[in-house]
N, C-alpha and C. Protein backbone atom coordinates (compact mmCIF):
# COMPACT_ATOMS: atom_id res chain seq x y z
N MET A 1 0.85 -1.17 0.00
CA MET A 1 0.00 0.00 0.00
C MET A 1 0.89 1.24 0.00
N ARG A 2 0.66 2.15 -0.89
CA ARG A 2 1.47 3.34 -1.04
C ARG A 2 0.74 4.53 -0.43
N CYS A 3 1.46 5.35 0.34
CA CYS A 3 0.86 6.54 0.95
C CYS A 3 1.65 7.76 0.52
N LEU A 4 0.94 8.83 0.36
CA LEU A 4 1.55 10.11 0.04
C LEU A 4 1.41 11.00 1.26
N ARG A 5 2.46 11.70 1.64
CA ARG A 5 2.39 12.59 2.79
C ARG A 5 2.08 14.00 2.32
N ALA A 6 0.97 14.56 2.82
CA ALA A 6 0.61 15.94 2.51
C ALA A 6 1.36 16.88 3.43
N ASN A 7 1.47 16.52 4.69
CA ASN A 7 2.29 17.24 5.66
C ASN A 7 2.65 16.27 6.75
N ALA A 8 3.23 16.73 7.84
CA ALA A 8 3.72 15.82 8.88
C ALA A 8 2.59 15.08 9.59
N ASN A 9 1.38 15.61 9.58
CA ASN A 9 0.31 15.00 10.36
C ASN A 9 -0.78 14.33 9.54
N VAL A 10 -0.81 14.48 8.23
CA VAL A 10 -1.89 13.93 7.43
C VAL A 10 -1.32 13.00 6.37
N ARG A 11 -1.95 11.84 6.24
CA ARG A 11 -1.54 10.88 5.21
C ARG A 11 -2.66 10.75 4.19
N LEU A 12 -2.32 10.81 2.94
CA LEU A 12 -3.31 10.63 1.88
C LEU A 12 -3.19 9.21 1.35
N ILE A 13 -4.31 8.59 1.08
CA ILE A 13 -4.33 7.20 0.66
C ILE A 13 -4.15 7.11 -0.85
N ALA A 14 -3.18 6.31 -1.27
CA ALA A 14 -2.97 6.11 -2.70
C ALA A 14 -3.73 4.88 -3.18
N ASN A 15 -3.69 3.80 -2.42
CA ASN A 15 -4.38 2.56 -2.78
C ASN A 15 -5.24 2.10 -1.62
N ALA A 16 -6.52 2.00 -1.82
CA ALA A 16 -7.44 1.56 -0.77
C ALA A 16 -7.38 0.03 -0.63
N PRO A 17 -7.66 -0.50 0.55
CA PRO A 17 -7.66 -1.95 0.72
C PRO A 17 -8.82 -2.59 -0.03
N THR A 18 -8.64 -3.88 -0.37
CA THR A 18 -9.68 -4.55 -1.15
C THR A 18 -10.40 -5.65 -0.39
N ASN A 19 -9.88 -6.10 0.75
CA ASN A 19 -10.58 -7.12 1.52
C ASN A 19 -10.49 -6.83 3.02
N ALA A 20 -11.20 -7.63 3.83
CA ALA A 20 -11.30 -7.36 5.26
C ALA A 20 -9.94 -7.45 5.95
N LEU A 21 -9.10 -8.40 5.58
CA LEU A 21 -7.79 -8.54 6.21
C LEU A 21 -6.92 -7.31 5.92
N GLN A 22 -6.90 -6.88 4.67
CA GLN A 22 -6.15 -5.67 4.33
C GLN A 22 -6.73 -4.46 5.05
N LEU A 23 -8.04 -4.42 5.18
CA LEU A 23 -8.70 -3.29 5.83
C LEU A 23 -8.31 -3.22 7.30
N ASP A 24 -8.28 -4.36 7.99
CA ASP A 24 -7.88 -4.35 9.39
C ASP A 24 -6.43 -3.86 9.52
N HIS A 25 -5.55 -4.34 8.67
CA HIS A 25 -4.16 -3.90 8.71
C HIS A 25 -4.08 -2.40 8.37
N TYR A 26 -4.84 -2.00 7.40
CA TYR A 26 -4.90 -0.61 6.94
C TYR A 26 -5.31 0.31 8.09
N TYR A 27 -6.33 -0.11 8.81
CA TYR A 27 -6.80 0.69 9.94
C TYR A 27 -5.77 0.72 11.06
N LEU A 28 -5.27 -0.47 11.43
CA LEU A 28 -4.39 -0.57 12.59
C LEU A 28 -3.04 0.09 12.38
N THR A 29 -2.60 0.24 11.15
CA THR A 29 -1.33 0.90 10.90
C THR A 29 -1.48 2.41 10.78
N GLY A 30 -2.68 2.92 10.88
CA GLY A 30 -2.88 4.36 10.94
C GLY A 30 -3.03 5.06 9.61
N PHE A 31 -3.35 4.33 8.55
CA PHE A 31 -3.47 4.96 7.24
C PHE A 31 -4.93 5.23 6.85
N ALA A 32 -5.81 5.22 7.82
CA ALA A 32 -7.24 5.32 7.50
C ALA A 32 -7.73 6.75 7.43
N MET A 33 -8.58 7.02 6.52
CA MET A 33 -9.51 8.14 6.47
C MET A 33 -8.93 9.56 6.31
N ASN A 34 -7.77 9.74 5.73
CA ASN A 34 -7.24 11.09 5.47
C ASN A 34 -7.39 12.01 6.67
N ARG A 35 -6.89 11.60 7.79
CA ARG A 35 -7.07 12.38 9.02
C ARG A 35 -5.75 12.54 9.73
N PRO A 36 -5.68 13.48 10.68
CA PRO A 36 -4.44 13.63 11.44
C PRO A 36 -4.10 12.33 12.16
N SER A 37 -2.85 12.12 12.41
CA SER A 37 -2.39 10.90 13.06
C SER A 37 -3.05 10.74 14.42
N LYS A 38 -3.59 9.56 14.65
CA LYS A 38 -4.23 9.26 15.93
C LYS A 38 -3.22 8.87 16.99
N VAL A 39 -2.01 8.56 16.57
CA VAL A 39 -1.00 8.04 17.49
C VAL A 39 -0.62 9.07 18.54
N THR A 40 -0.45 10.32 18.16
CA THR A 40 -0.03 11.34 19.10
C THR A 40 -1.06 11.54 20.20
N LEU A 41 -2.32 11.67 19.86
CA LEU A 41 -3.36 11.84 20.87
C LEU A 41 -3.47 10.61 21.75
N ARG A 42 -3.46 9.44 21.15
CA ARG A 42 -3.56 8.20 21.92
C ARG A 42 -2.41 8.09 22.91
N ARG A 43 -1.20 8.33 22.45
CA ARG A 43 -0.04 8.25 23.35
C ARG A 43 -0.11 9.29 24.45
N THR A 44 -0.51 10.49 24.11
CA THR A 44 -0.63 11.56 25.10
C THR A 44 -1.64 11.18 26.18
N LEU A 45 -2.80 10.67 25.78
CA LEU A 45 -3.81 10.29 26.76
C LEU A 45 -3.40 9.05 27.56
N ASP A 46 -2.66 8.13 26.95
CA ASP A 46 -2.15 6.98 27.68
C ASP A 46 -1.12 7.43 28.73
N ILE A 47 -0.25 8.33 28.34
CA ILE A 47 0.74 8.86 29.29
C ILE A 47 0.05 9.60 30.42
N LEU A 48 -0.97 10.39 30.09
CA LEU A 48 -1.74 11.10 31.11
C LEU A 48 -2.39 10.11 32.08
N SER A 49 -2.99 9.05 31.56
CA SER A 49 -3.63 8.04 32.41
C SER A 49 -2.62 7.41 33.37
N LEU A 50 -1.50 6.97 32.82
CA LEU A 50 -0.48 6.34 33.66
C LEU A 50 0.12 7.32 34.65
N ALA A 51 0.31 8.56 34.24
CA ALA A 51 0.84 9.59 35.15
C ALA A 51 -0.11 9.83 36.32
N MET A 52 -1.42 9.84 36.05
CA MET A 52 -2.38 10.00 37.14
C MET A 52 -2.28 8.84 38.13
N ILE A 53 -2.14 7.63 37.63
CA ILE A 53 -2.04 6.46 38.50
C ILE A 53 -0.77 6.52 39.34
N VAL A 54 0.35 6.83 38.70
CA VAL A 54 1.63 6.91 39.43
C VAL A 54 1.58 8.03 40.46
N ALA A 55 1.04 9.19 40.09
CA ALA A 55 0.95 10.32 41.03
C ALA A 55 0.08 9.96 42.22
N TYR A 56 -1.01 9.26 41.98
CA TYR A 56 -1.91 8.84 43.06
C TYR A 56 -1.18 7.89 44.02
N VAL A 57 -0.47 6.91 43.48
CA VAL A 57 0.25 5.94 44.31
C VAL A 57 1.33 6.65 45.13
N ILE A 58 2.06 7.56 44.51
CA ILE A 58 3.10 8.31 45.23
C ILE A 58 2.46 9.15 46.33
N PHE A 59 1.36 9.81 46.03
CA PHE A 59 0.67 10.63 47.01
C PHE A 59 0.19 9.79 48.19
N VAL A 60 -0.44 8.66 47.91
CA VAL A 60 -0.94 7.79 48.98
C VAL A 60 0.23 7.25 49.80
N ALA A 61 1.31 6.84 49.16
CA ALA A 61 2.47 6.31 49.89
C ALA A 61 3.08 7.39 50.78
N ALA A 62 3.18 8.61 50.28
CA ALA A 62 3.77 9.70 51.06
C ALA A 62 2.91 10.08 52.25
N ARG A 63 1.61 9.94 52.13
CA ARG A 63 0.69 10.36 53.19
C ARG A 63 0.11 9.18 53.98
N TRP A 64 0.63 7.98 53.75
CA TRP A 64 0.06 6.76 54.32
C TRP A 64 -0.21 6.87 55.82
N ASP A 65 0.78 7.34 56.58
CA ASP A 65 0.63 7.41 58.04
C ASP A 65 -0.36 8.49 58.47
N ALA A 66 -0.64 9.46 57.61
CA ALA A 66 -1.58 10.53 57.95
C ALA A 66 -3.03 10.09 57.74
N PHE A 67 -3.26 9.05 56.98
CA PHE A 67 -4.62 8.59 56.73
C PHE A 67 -5.14 7.81 57.93
N PRO A 68 -6.44 7.92 58.19
CA PRO A 68 -7.01 7.13 59.30
C PRO A 68 -6.94 5.63 58.97
N SER A 69 -6.99 4.81 60.00
CA SER A 69 -6.89 3.36 59.78
C SER A 69 -8.14 2.80 59.12
N VAL A 70 -9.27 3.49 59.26
CA VAL A 70 -10.52 3.08 58.59
C VAL A 70 -10.96 4.24 57.69
N VAL A 71 -11.18 3.94 56.42
CA VAL A 71 -11.58 4.97 55.45
C VAL A 71 -12.83 4.50 54.70
N PRO A 72 -13.60 5.43 54.18
CA PRO A 72 -14.76 5.04 53.36
C PRO A 72 -14.30 4.27 52.12
N SER A 73 -15.03 3.21 51.81
CA SER A 73 -14.67 2.41 50.62
C SER A 73 -15.77 2.42 49.57
N HIS A 74 -16.92 2.99 49.88
CA HIS A 74 -18.02 3.07 48.93
C HIS A 74 -18.86 4.28 49.27
N PHE A 75 -19.44 4.89 48.23
CA PHE A 75 -20.24 6.09 48.41
C PHE A 75 -21.59 5.92 47.73
N ASN A 76 -22.62 6.55 48.31
CA ASN A 76 -23.93 6.53 47.66
C ASN A 76 -23.98 7.63 46.59
N ALA A 77 -25.10 7.80 45.96
CA ALA A 77 -25.23 8.76 44.87
C ALA A 77 -25.05 10.21 45.32
N LEU A 78 -25.20 10.47 46.60
CA LEU A 78 -25.02 11.83 47.13
C LEU A 78 -23.58 12.09 47.56
N GLY A 79 -22.73 11.08 47.43
CA GLY A 79 -21.33 11.23 47.81
C GLY A 79 -21.09 10.95 49.28
N GLN A 80 -22.06 10.37 49.96
CA GLN A 80 -21.91 10.04 51.38
C GLN A 80 -21.41 8.61 51.51
N PRO A 81 -20.42 8.38 52.39
CA PRO A 81 -19.90 7.02 52.55
C PRO A 81 -20.97 6.08 53.10
N ASP A 82 -21.03 4.88 52.54
CA ASP A 82 -21.96 3.89 53.05
C ASP A 82 -21.29 2.53 53.30
N ALA A 83 -19.97 2.48 53.19
CA ALA A 83 -19.19 1.29 53.53
C ALA A 83 -17.78 1.74 53.89
N TYR A 84 -17.13 0.98 54.76
CA TYR A 84 -15.80 1.36 55.23
C TYR A 84 -14.87 0.16 55.16
N GLY A 85 -13.57 0.47 55.12
CA GLY A 85 -12.56 -0.58 55.12
C GLY A 85 -11.25 -0.01 55.62
N GLY A 86 -10.26 -0.86 55.71
CA GLY A 86 -8.93 -0.40 56.12
C GLY A 86 -8.34 0.54 55.08
N ARG A 87 -7.31 1.25 55.49
CA ARG A 87 -6.74 2.23 54.53
C ARG A 87 -6.11 1.56 53.32
N TRP A 88 -5.92 0.25 53.36
CA TRP A 88 -5.41 -0.48 52.20
C TRP A 88 -6.36 -0.35 51.01
N VAL A 89 -7.65 -0.05 51.27
CA VAL A 89 -8.58 0.09 50.14
C VAL A 89 -8.20 1.27 49.25
N LEU A 90 -7.38 2.19 49.78
CA LEU A 90 -6.91 3.31 48.95
C LEU A 90 -6.02 2.81 47.82
N LEU A 91 -5.49 1.61 47.96
CA LEU A 91 -4.65 1.04 46.90
C LEU A 91 -5.45 0.24 45.88
N LEU A 92 -6.73 0.01 46.17
CA LEU A 92 -7.58 -0.69 45.20
C LEU A 92 -7.86 0.18 43.97
N GLU A 93 -8.09 1.47 44.19
CA GLU A 93 -8.42 2.36 43.07
C GLU A 93 -7.34 2.37 41.99
N PRO A 94 -6.05 2.57 42.35
CA PRO A 94 -5.05 2.56 41.27
C PRO A 94 -4.89 1.19 40.63
N ALA A 95 -5.09 0.11 41.40
CA ALA A 95 -4.99 -1.24 40.82
C ALA A 95 -6.12 -1.47 39.81
N ILE A 96 -7.32 -1.09 40.19
CA ILE A 96 -8.46 -1.24 39.28
C ILE A 96 -8.30 -0.31 38.08
N ALA A 97 -7.85 0.93 38.33
CA ALA A 97 -7.65 1.89 37.24
C ALA A 97 -6.62 1.36 36.24
N LEU A 98 -5.53 0.81 36.75
CA LEU A 98 -4.49 0.28 35.86
C LEU A 98 -5.02 -0.91 35.06
N ALA A 99 -5.78 -1.79 35.70
CA ALA A 99 -6.35 -2.94 35.00
C ALA A 99 -7.32 -2.49 33.90
N LEU A 100 -8.19 -1.53 34.22
CA LEU A 100 -9.13 -1.04 33.21
C LEU A 100 -8.41 -0.31 32.08
N TRP A 101 -7.40 0.49 32.42
CA TRP A 101 -6.63 1.18 31.38
C TRP A 101 -5.98 0.15 30.45
N ALA A 102 -5.36 -0.87 31.02
CA ALA A 102 -4.70 -1.90 30.20
C ALA A 102 -5.71 -2.63 29.33
N LEU A 103 -6.88 -2.96 29.88
CA LEU A 103 -7.91 -3.62 29.10
C LEU A 103 -8.36 -2.75 27.94
N MET A 104 -8.56 -1.45 28.20
CA MET A 104 -8.98 -0.55 27.11
C MET A 104 -7.87 -0.37 26.09
N ALA A 105 -6.62 -0.31 26.54
CA ALA A 105 -5.49 -0.14 25.61
C ALA A 105 -5.36 -1.35 24.68
N VAL A 106 -5.54 -2.54 25.23
CA VAL A 106 -5.44 -3.75 24.41
C VAL A 106 -6.66 -3.87 23.49
N THR A 107 -7.84 -3.65 24.05
CA THR A 107 -9.08 -3.77 23.27
C THR A 107 -9.10 -2.79 22.11
N ARG A 108 -8.58 -1.61 22.34
CA ARG A 108 -8.56 -0.57 21.31
C ARG A 108 -7.79 -1.02 20.06
N ARG A 109 -6.87 -1.93 20.22
CA ARG A 109 -6.04 -2.38 19.10
C ARG A 109 -6.71 -3.46 18.24
N PHE A 110 -7.86 -3.97 18.67
CA PHE A 110 -8.54 -5.04 17.95
C PHE A 110 -9.98 -4.66 17.65
N PRO A 111 -10.18 -3.70 16.76
CA PRO A 111 -11.55 -3.24 16.48
C PRO A 111 -12.45 -4.31 15.89
N GLY A 112 -11.88 -5.32 15.27
CA GLY A 112 -12.69 -6.39 14.71
C GLY A 112 -13.41 -7.20 15.78
N ALA A 113 -12.96 -7.11 17.03
CA ALA A 113 -13.58 -7.85 18.13
C ALA A 113 -14.63 -7.02 18.87
N TRP A 114 -14.79 -5.77 18.53
CA TRP A 114 -15.74 -4.90 19.23
C TRP A 114 -17.18 -5.24 18.82
N ASN A 115 -18.09 -4.86 19.68
CA ASN A 115 -19.52 -4.91 19.35
C ASN A 115 -19.92 -3.51 18.91
N PHE A 116 -20.55 -3.41 17.77
CA PHE A 116 -21.00 -2.13 17.24
C PHE A 116 -22.52 -2.07 17.28
N PRO A 117 -23.08 -0.88 17.41
CA PRO A 117 -24.55 -0.76 17.45
C PRO A 117 -25.20 -0.93 16.07
N VAL A 118 -24.39 -1.08 15.04
CA VAL A 118 -24.91 -1.27 13.68
C VAL A 118 -24.17 -2.46 13.05
N ARG A 119 -24.72 -2.95 11.97
CA ARG A 119 -24.09 -4.05 11.25
C ARG A 119 -22.83 -3.54 10.54
N VAL A 120 -21.73 -4.25 10.73
CA VAL A 120 -20.46 -3.87 10.09
C VAL A 120 -20.40 -4.55 8.74
N THR A 121 -20.20 -3.76 7.70
CA THR A 121 -20.09 -4.27 6.34
C THR A 121 -18.73 -3.89 5.78
N GLU A 122 -18.41 -4.44 4.63
CA GLU A 122 -17.16 -4.06 3.96
C GLU A 122 -17.15 -2.56 3.67
N ARG A 123 -18.32 -2.03 3.39
CA ARG A 123 -18.45 -0.64 3.00
C ARG A 123 -18.23 0.34 4.16
N ASN A 124 -18.68 -0.03 5.38
CA ASN A 124 -18.60 0.92 6.49
C ASN A 124 -17.55 0.53 7.54
N ARG A 125 -16.89 -0.59 7.35
CA ARG A 125 -15.95 -1.11 8.36
C ARG A 125 -14.87 -0.10 8.75
N ALA A 126 -14.15 0.46 7.82
CA ALA A 126 -13.05 1.37 8.14
C ALA A 126 -13.54 2.57 8.93
N ARG A 127 -14.64 3.15 8.50
CA ARG A 127 -15.16 4.33 9.18
C ARG A 127 -15.67 3.98 10.58
N LEU A 128 -16.33 2.83 10.75
CA LEU A 128 -16.79 2.42 12.08
C LEU A 128 -15.61 2.19 13.02
N TYR A 129 -14.53 1.60 12.51
CA TYR A 129 -13.34 1.39 13.33
C TYR A 129 -12.77 2.72 13.81
N VAL A 130 -12.71 3.68 12.91
CA VAL A 130 -12.19 5.00 13.26
C VAL A 130 -13.09 5.66 14.32
N ILE A 131 -14.39 5.62 14.11
CA ILE A 131 -15.32 6.22 15.08
C ILE A 131 -15.21 5.50 16.43
N GLY A 132 -15.10 4.18 16.41
CA GLY A 132 -14.96 3.42 17.64
C GLY A 132 -13.71 3.80 18.41
N GLU A 133 -12.61 3.94 17.70
CA GLU A 133 -11.39 4.34 18.40
C GLU A 133 -11.47 5.77 18.90
N GLN A 134 -12.06 6.65 18.10
CA GLN A 134 -12.23 8.03 18.55
C GLN A 134 -13.11 8.09 19.79
N MET A 135 -14.02 7.17 19.93
CA MET A 135 -14.87 7.12 21.11
C MET A 135 -14.11 6.53 22.29
N MET A 136 -13.32 5.49 22.06
CA MET A 136 -12.63 4.80 23.16
C MET A 136 -11.41 5.53 23.69
N THR A 137 -10.68 6.24 22.84
CA THR A 137 -9.42 6.84 23.25
C THR A 137 -9.56 7.78 24.45
N PRO A 138 -10.51 8.71 24.47
CA PRO A 138 -10.60 9.59 25.64
C PRO A 138 -11.25 8.94 26.86
N LEU A 139 -11.85 7.77 26.69
CA LEU A 139 -12.50 7.11 27.83
C LEU A 139 -11.50 6.67 28.89
N ALA A 140 -10.33 6.20 28.48
CA ALA A 140 -9.35 5.68 29.44
C ALA A 140 -8.96 6.72 30.49
N PRO A 141 -8.51 7.91 30.11
CA PRO A 141 -8.15 8.87 31.17
C PRO A 141 -9.34 9.31 32.02
N MET A 142 -10.54 9.35 31.42
CA MET A 142 -11.71 9.74 32.20
C MET A 142 -12.05 8.67 33.24
N VAL A 143 -11.97 7.40 32.87
CA VAL A 143 -12.25 6.31 33.80
C VAL A 143 -11.19 6.27 34.90
N VAL A 144 -9.93 6.44 34.52
CA VAL A 144 -8.85 6.47 35.51
C VAL A 144 -9.08 7.62 36.49
N PHE A 145 -9.40 8.80 35.98
CA PHE A 145 -9.66 9.94 36.85
C PHE A 145 -10.81 9.65 37.81
N LEU A 146 -11.90 9.09 37.30
CA LEU A 146 -13.06 8.77 38.15
C LEU A 146 -12.66 7.86 39.31
N LEU A 147 -11.95 6.80 39.02
CA LEU A 147 -11.57 5.85 40.07
C LEU A 147 -10.64 6.49 41.10
N LEU A 148 -9.67 7.26 40.64
CA LEU A 148 -8.72 7.87 41.57
C LEU A 148 -9.39 8.97 42.40
N TYR A 149 -10.29 9.70 41.78
CA TYR A 149 -11.02 10.76 42.50
C TYR A 149 -11.89 10.13 43.60
N ILE A 150 -12.52 9.01 43.29
CA ILE A 150 -13.33 8.32 44.30
C ILE A 150 -12.44 7.88 45.47
N GLY A 151 -11.23 7.41 45.15
CA GLY A 151 -10.30 7.03 46.22
C GLY A 151 -9.96 8.20 47.12
N LEU A 152 -9.74 9.36 46.53
CA LEU A 152 -9.42 10.54 47.33
C LEU A 152 -10.63 11.05 48.11
N MET A 153 -11.82 10.79 47.59
CA MET A 153 -13.03 11.19 48.33
C MET A 153 -13.10 10.47 49.67
N GLY A 154 -12.45 9.31 49.76
CA GLY A 154 -12.46 8.55 51.00
C GLY A 154 -11.69 9.20 52.12
N VAL A 155 -10.74 10.06 51.80
CA VAL A 155 -9.93 10.68 52.85
C VAL A 155 -10.04 12.21 52.86
N TYR A 156 -10.59 12.77 51.83
CA TYR A 156 -10.79 14.22 51.76
C TYR A 156 -12.24 14.50 51.39
N GLU A 157 -12.74 15.62 51.82
CA GLU A 157 -14.11 15.99 51.46
C GLU A 157 -14.07 16.72 50.11
N LEU A 158 -14.16 15.95 49.07
CA LEU A 158 -14.14 16.49 47.71
C LEU A 158 -15.56 16.58 47.18
N PRO A 159 -15.85 17.56 46.33
CA PRO A 159 -17.22 17.70 45.82
C PRO A 159 -17.62 16.55 44.90
N VAL A 160 -18.79 16.01 45.13
CA VAL A 160 -19.31 14.91 44.31
C VAL A 160 -19.70 15.42 42.93
N ALA A 161 -19.92 16.71 42.79
CA ALA A 161 -20.30 17.29 41.50
C ALA A 161 -19.24 17.01 40.43
N VAL A 162 -17.98 16.95 40.82
CA VAL A 162 -16.91 16.64 39.86
C VAL A 162 -17.12 15.25 39.28
N LEU A 163 -17.51 14.30 40.12
CA LEU A 163 -17.77 12.94 39.62
C LEU A 163 -18.89 12.95 38.59
N TYR A 164 -19.95 13.69 38.90
CA TYR A 164 -21.08 13.74 37.97
C TYR A 164 -20.69 14.42 36.66
N LEU A 165 -19.85 15.43 36.74
CA LEU A 165 -19.40 16.11 35.52
C LEU A 165 -18.58 15.17 34.64
N VAL A 166 -17.65 14.45 35.24
CA VAL A 166 -16.82 13.52 34.46
C VAL A 166 -17.67 12.36 33.95
N LEU A 167 -18.56 11.85 34.78
CA LEU A 167 -19.44 10.77 34.34
C LEU A 167 -20.33 11.22 33.18
N ALA A 168 -20.84 12.45 33.25
CA ALA A 168 -21.65 12.99 32.14
C ALA A 168 -20.80 13.10 30.88
N THR A 169 -19.54 13.46 31.02
CA THR A 169 -18.64 13.55 29.87
C THR A 169 -18.41 12.16 29.26
N VAL A 170 -18.23 11.16 30.11
CA VAL A 170 -18.06 9.77 29.63
C VAL A 170 -19.30 9.33 28.85
N LEU A 171 -20.47 9.56 29.44
CA LEU A 171 -21.71 9.15 28.78
C LEU A 171 -21.94 9.93 27.48
N ALA A 172 -21.59 11.22 27.48
CA ALA A 172 -21.73 12.02 26.26
C ALA A 172 -20.80 11.50 25.16
N ASP A 173 -19.58 11.14 25.52
CA ASP A 173 -18.63 10.58 24.55
C ASP A 173 -19.19 9.30 23.94
N ILE A 174 -19.73 8.44 24.77
CA ILE A 174 -20.31 7.19 24.27
C ILE A 174 -21.53 7.46 23.39
N ALA A 175 -22.40 8.36 23.84
CA ALA A 175 -23.61 8.68 23.07
C ALA A 175 -23.27 9.26 21.71
N VAL A 176 -22.32 10.19 21.68
CA VAL A 176 -21.91 10.79 20.40
C VAL A 176 -21.32 9.72 19.49
N GLY A 177 -20.50 8.83 20.05
CA GLY A 177 -19.93 7.75 19.24
C GLY A 177 -21.00 6.84 18.66
N ILE A 178 -21.99 6.49 19.45
CA ILE A 178 -23.07 5.63 18.97
C ILE A 178 -23.88 6.33 17.89
N VAL A 179 -24.19 7.60 18.09
CA VAL A 179 -24.95 8.35 17.07
C VAL A 179 -24.15 8.41 15.77
N ARG A 180 -22.84 8.66 15.86
CA ARG A 180 -22.01 8.72 14.66
C ARG A 180 -21.99 7.36 13.94
N MET A 181 -21.94 6.29 14.72
CA MET A 181 -21.94 4.96 14.10
C MET A 181 -23.27 4.65 13.43
N VAL A 182 -24.37 5.02 14.06
CA VAL A 182 -25.68 4.79 13.48
C VAL A 182 -25.81 5.57 12.17
N ARG A 183 -25.32 6.79 12.15
CA ARG A 183 -25.37 7.58 10.91
C ARG A 183 -24.50 6.98 9.82
N GLU A 184 -23.44 6.30 10.23
CA GLU A 184 -22.49 5.73 9.27
C GLU A 184 -22.98 4.41 8.68
N ARG A 185 -23.97 3.79 9.27
CA ARG A 185 -24.38 2.44 8.84
C ARG A 185 -24.80 2.40 7.37
N ASP A 186 -25.38 3.48 6.88
CA ASP A 186 -25.84 3.49 5.48
C ASP A 186 -24.88 4.21 4.55
N ALA A 187 -23.84 4.81 5.11
CA ALA A 187 -22.93 5.60 4.28
C ALA A 187 -22.06 4.73 3.41
């Protein structure tokens, strides 16, 4: 497959793929849809996600002795604690965040295994893969932030409104992605 470079960030397609296997390779190598490179944004958001996890672990380790021996481990919808555990539960959030980030990072690389809200055809496959990745890429740092923020809510009185704002952003990202995919089904 031959590509022409228009500038440092945009690749123009010279030869389009002809079958599903070529299309998957075409998409995964970043030559899809005459658009800016997705690699820079993906790497930036992955680094941001991992940096949040590392910063959280360092913060908790540095303040470990200052935390009470029993901390809230679950909150109701109003942000009030309704379950408690030892301060070790503060280490569950980064572990879960790292596991979810890794799962999303791996899953993002195999769009053929995703479930789409529309039927995937040869005609719409490349565009659906692009929309799916555009939807998934910003989800990782938002999910990581949510989990770490909940962990900090256990030891600090942080506003629950921030959780609702980030959760609304996550749901909006998913909704926009689904709407874009539904519109693409006939294109």
